[in-house]
Amino acid sequence: QVQLVESGGGLVQPGGSLRLSCAASGIIFRIYDMGWYRQAPGRQRELVAIISSGGSTSYADSVKGRFTISRDNAKNTVYLQMNSLKPEDTAVYYCNARRTIWPKQEDSWGQGTQVTVSS
């Protein structure tokens, strides 16, 4: 059974930093693409950043240069370092594990962690 547990969210002032972590269990972590998504009130869930099983990364334009996604396969953990936070980054952040065996795509989600950027 796949389990993804996020941590590290909280309240931070604009310009501050947070580091989110997502610990995975029940999967062969190193073969999964991992991602962070977020959902603000009244808005659809959107992709923030992804890191492939091979270590390639991709970011939403809104976070490029401010956020960094990384993974530690030895710890079955993916991270999201968030710097220069803005009020518009306020959202629930979700961890995603994706395995693609064409043509099927298998997605698992964490429960989410709240990030609030406010003075």
C-alpha atoms as a PDB file:
ATOM      1  CA  GLN A   1       0.000   0.000   0.000  1.00  0.00           C
ATOM      2  CA  VAL A   2       1.424   3.338  -1.102  1.00  0.00           C
ATOM      3  CA  GLN A   3       1.761   5.961   1.594  1.00  0.00           C
ATOM      4  CA  LEU A   4       3.004   9.511   1.083  1.00  0.00           C
ATOM      5  CA  VAL A   5       3.387  11.710   4.146  1.00  0.00           C
ATOM      6  CA  GLU A   6       4.092  15.408   3.716  1.00  0.00           C
ATOM      7  CA  SER A   7       5.567  17.660   6.368  1.00  0.00           C
ATOM      8  CA  GLY A   8       7.147  21.083   6.705  1.00  0.00           C
ATOM      9  CA  GLY A   9       4.234  23.359   5.960  1.00  0.00           C
ATOM     10  CA  GLY A  10       3.304  26.328   8.089  1.00  0.00           C
ATOM     11  CA  LEU A  11       2.955  30.080   8.310  1.00  0.00           C
ATOM     12  CA  VAL A  12       5.749  32.228   6.907  1.00  0.00           C
ATOM     13  CA  GLN A  13       6.151  35.910   6.107  1.00  0.00           C
ATOM     14  CA  PRO A  14       6.540  37.111   2.524  1.00  0.00           C
ATOM     15  CA  GLY A  15      10.134  36.674   1.427  1.00  0.00           C
ATOM     16  CA  GLY A  16      10.658  33.784   3.794  1.00  0.00           C
ATOM     17  CA  SER A  17      11.515  30.151   3.157  1.00  0.00           C
ATOM     18  CA  LEU A  18      10.090  26.724   3.886  1.00  0.00           C
ATOM     19  CA  ARG A  19      11.215  23.215   3.097  1.00  0.00           C
ATOM     20  CA  LEU A  20       8.585  20.593   2.458  1.00  0.00           C
ATOM     21  CA  SER A  21       9.328  16.885   2.761  1.00  0.00           C
ATOM     22  CA  CYS A  22       7.411  13.877   1.503  1.00  0.00           C
ATOM     23  CA  ALA A  23       8.306  10.465   2.859  1.00  0.00           C
ATOM     24  CA  ALA A  24       7.178   7.546   0.730  1.00  0.00           C
ATOM     25  CA  SER A  25       6.561   3.943   1.686  1.00  0.00           C
ATOM     26  CA  GLY A  26       5.057   0.936  -0.038  1.00  0.00           C
ATOM     27  CA  ILE A  27       6.704   1.707  -3.392  1.00  0.00           C
ATOM     28  CA  ILE A  28      10.052   1.184  -5.072  1.00  0.00           C
ATOM     29  CA  PHE A  29      10.761   4.871  -4.687  1.00  0.00           C
ATOM     30  CA  ARG A  30      13.674   5.140  -7.104  1.00  0.00           C
ATOM     31  CA  ILE A  31      11.582   4.141 -10.131  1.00  0.00           C
ATOM     32  CA  TYR A  32       8.830   6.680  -9.520  1.00  0.00           C
ATOM     33  CA  ASP A  33       8.579  10.202 -10.850  1.00  0.00           C
ATOM     34  CA  MET A  34       7.794  12.485  -7.925  1.00  0.00           C
ATOM     35  CA  GLY A  35       6.011  15.795  -7.917  1.00  0.00           C
ATOM     36  CA  TRP A  36       4.612  18.604  -5.846  1.00  0.00           C
ATOM     37  CA  TYR A  37       1.232  20.106  -6.620  1.00  0.00           C
ATOM     38  CA  ARG A  38      -0.724  22.801  -4.868  1.00  0.00           C
ATOM     39  CA  GLN A  39      -4.318  23.880  -4.549  1.00  0.00           C
ATOM     40  CA  ALA A  40      -5.432  27.295  -3.368  1.00  0.00           C
ATOM     41  CA  PRO A  41      -8.999  27.973  -2.213  1.00  0.00           C
ATOM     42  CA  GLY A  42     -11.367  28.198  -5.158  1.00  0.00           C
ATOM     43  CA  ARG A  43      -8.722  27.105  -7.631  1.00  0.00           C
ATOM     44  CA  GLN A  44      -7.787  23.874  -9.378  1.00  0.00           C
ATOM     45  CA  ARG A  45      -4.841  21.804  -8.281  1.00  0.00           C
ATOM     46  CA  GLU A  46      -1.760  22.817 -10.234  1.00  0.00           C
ATOM     47  CA  LEU A  47       1.666  21.377 -10.839  1.00  0.00           C
ATOM     48  CA  VAL A  48       4.486  23.081  -8.941  1.00  0.00           C
ATOM     49  CA  ALA A  49       7.512  20.911  -9.703  1.00  0.00           C
ATOM     50  CA  ILE A  50       8.406  17.396 -10.760  1.00  0.00           C
ATOM     51  CA  ILE A  51      11.536  15.297 -10.588  1.00  0.00           C
ATOM     52  CA  SER A  52      11.850  12.193 -12.691  1.00  0.00           C
ATOM     53  CA  SER A  53      13.235   8.879 -11.563  1.00  0.00           C
ATOM     54  CA  GLY A  54      16.398   9.884 -13.400  1.00  0.00           C
ATOM     55  CA  GLY A  55      16.652  13.227 -11.627  1.00  0.00           C
ATOM     56  CA  SER A  56      15.402  15.582 -14.346  1.00  0.00           C
ATOM     57  CA  THR A  57      13.384  18.494 -13.008  1.00  0.00           C
ATOM     58  CA  SER A  58      10.647  20.749 -14.302  1.00  0.00           C
ATOM     59  CA  TYR A  59       8.930  23.737 -12.702  1.00  0.00           C
ATOM     60  CA  ALA A  60       5.862  25.869 -13.112  1.00  0.00           C
ATOM     61  CA  ASP A  61       6.772  29.291 -14.481  1.00  0.00           C
ATOM     62  CA  SER A  62       5.427  30.937 -11.336  1.00  0.00           C
ATOM     63  CA  VAL A  63       8.029  29.238  -9.109  1.00  0.00           C
ATOM     64  CA  LYS A  64      11.084  29.039 -11.372  1.00  0.00           C
ATOM     65  CA  GLY A  65      14.143  30.476  -9.683  1.00  0.00           C
ATOM     66  CA  ARG A  66      12.494  30.366  -6.245  1.00  0.00           C
ATOM     67  CA  PHE A  67      11.642  26.695  -5.644  1.00  0.00           C
ATOM     68  CA  THR A  68      13.895  23.656  -5.900  1.00  0.00           C
ATOM     69  CA  ILE A  69      12.743  20.050  -5.971  1.00  0.00           C
ATOM     70  CA  SER A  70      15.121  17.264  -4.991  1.00  0.00           C
ATOM     71  CA  ARG A  71      15.002  13.640  -3.974  1.00  0.00           C
ATOM     72  CA  ASP A  72      16.950  11.277  -1.757  1.00  0.00           C
ATOM     73  CA  ASN A  73      16.394   7.724  -2.954  1.00  0.00           C
ATOM     74  CA  ALA A  74      18.205   6.298   0.074  1.00  0.00           C
ATOM     75  CA  LYS A  75      15.609   7.951   2.334  1.00  0.00           C
ATOM     76  CA  ASN A  76      12.602   7.479   0.029  1.00  0.00           C
ATOM     77  CA  THR A  77      11.989  11.200   0.362  1.00  0.00           C
ATOM     78  CA  VAL A  78      11.314  14.092  -1.990  1.00  0.00           C
ATOM     79  CA  TYR A  79      11.815  17.703  -0.955  1.00  0.00           C
ATOM     80  CA  LEU A  80      10.612  21.109  -2.066  1.00  0.00           C
ATOM     81  CA  GLN A  81      12.772  24.027  -0.992  1.00  0.00           C
ATOM     82  CA  MET A  82      10.719  27.198  -1.276  1.00  0.00           C
ATOM     83  CA  ASN A  83      12.474  30.565  -1.124  1.00  0.00           C
ATOM     84  CA  SER A  84      11.284  34.132  -1.634  1.00  0.00           C
ATOM     85  CA  LEU A  85       7.757  33.075  -0.804  1.00  0.00           C
ATOM     86  CA  LYS A  86       4.868  35.254  -1.911  1.00  0.00           C
ATOM     87  CA  PRO A  87       1.281  35.490  -0.636  1.00  0.00           C
ATOM     88  CA  GLU A  88       0.137  33.872  -3.886  1.00  0.00           C
ATOM     89  CA  ASP A  89       2.091  30.737  -2.924  1.00  0.00           C
ATOM     90  CA  THR A  90      -0.462  30.144  -0.177  1.00  0.00           C
ATOM     91  CA  ALA A  91      -2.076  26.764  -0.797  1.00  0.00           C
ATOM     92  CA  VAL A  92      -2.282  23.168   0.310  1.00  0.00           C
ATOM     93  CA  TYR A  93       0.748  21.392  -1.134  1.00  0.00           C
ATOM     94  CA  TYR A  94       0.401  17.763  -2.183  1.00  0.00           C
ATOM     95  CA  CYS A  95       3.046  15.170  -2.895  1.00  0.00           C
ATOM     96  CA  ASN A  96       2.540  12.914  -5.910  1.00  0.00           C
ATOM     97  CA  ALA A  97       4.149   9.634  -6.919  1.00  0.00           C
ATOM     98  CA  ARG A  98       3.685   8.611 -10.535  1.00  0.00           C
ATOM     99  CA  ARG A  99       4.638   5.475 -12.378  1.00  0.00           C
ATOM    100  CA  THR A 100       3.989   5.208 -16.085  1.00  0.00           C
ATOM    101  CA  ILE A 101       3.762   1.790 -17.690  1.00  0.00           C
ATOM    102  CA  TRP A 102       2.445   2.677 -21.099  1.00  0.00           C
ATOM    103  CA  PRO A 103      -0.405   3.204 -21.671  1.00  0.00           C
ATOM    104  CA  LYS A 104      -1.296   3.252 -17.984  1.00  0.00           C
ATOM    105  CA  GLN A 105      -0.373   5.907 -15.443  1.00  0.00           C
ATOM    106  CA  GLU A 106      -0.471   5.136 -11.737  1.00  0.00           C
ATOM    107  CA  ASP A 107      -0.813   8.106  -9.375  1.00  0.00           C
ATOM    108  CA  SER A 108      -0.647   8.228  -5.591  1.00  0.00           C
ATOM    109  CA  TRP A 109      -1.187  11.302  -3.421  1.00  0.00           C
ATOM    110  CA  GLY A 110      -0.342  12.486   0.037  1.00  0.00           C
ATOM    111  CA  GLN A 111      -2.808  14.125   2.386  1.00  0.00           C
ATOM    112  CA  GLY A 112      -1.402  17.614   1.829  1.00  0.00           C
ATOM    113  CA  THR A 113       0.322  20.204   3.971  1.00  0.00           C
ATOM    114  CA  GLN A 114      -0.822  23.799   4.359  1.00  0.00           C
ATOM    115  CA  VAL A 115       1.519  26.631   3.396  1.00  0.00           C
ATOM    116  CA  THR A 116       0.403  30.135   4.322  1.00  0.00           C
ATOM    117  CA  VAL A 117       2.413  33.189   3.301  1.00  0.00           C
ATOM    118  CA  SER A 118       1.226  36.252   5.169  1.00  0.00           C
ATOM    119  CA  SER A 119       2.506  39.160   7.196  1.00  0.00           C
END
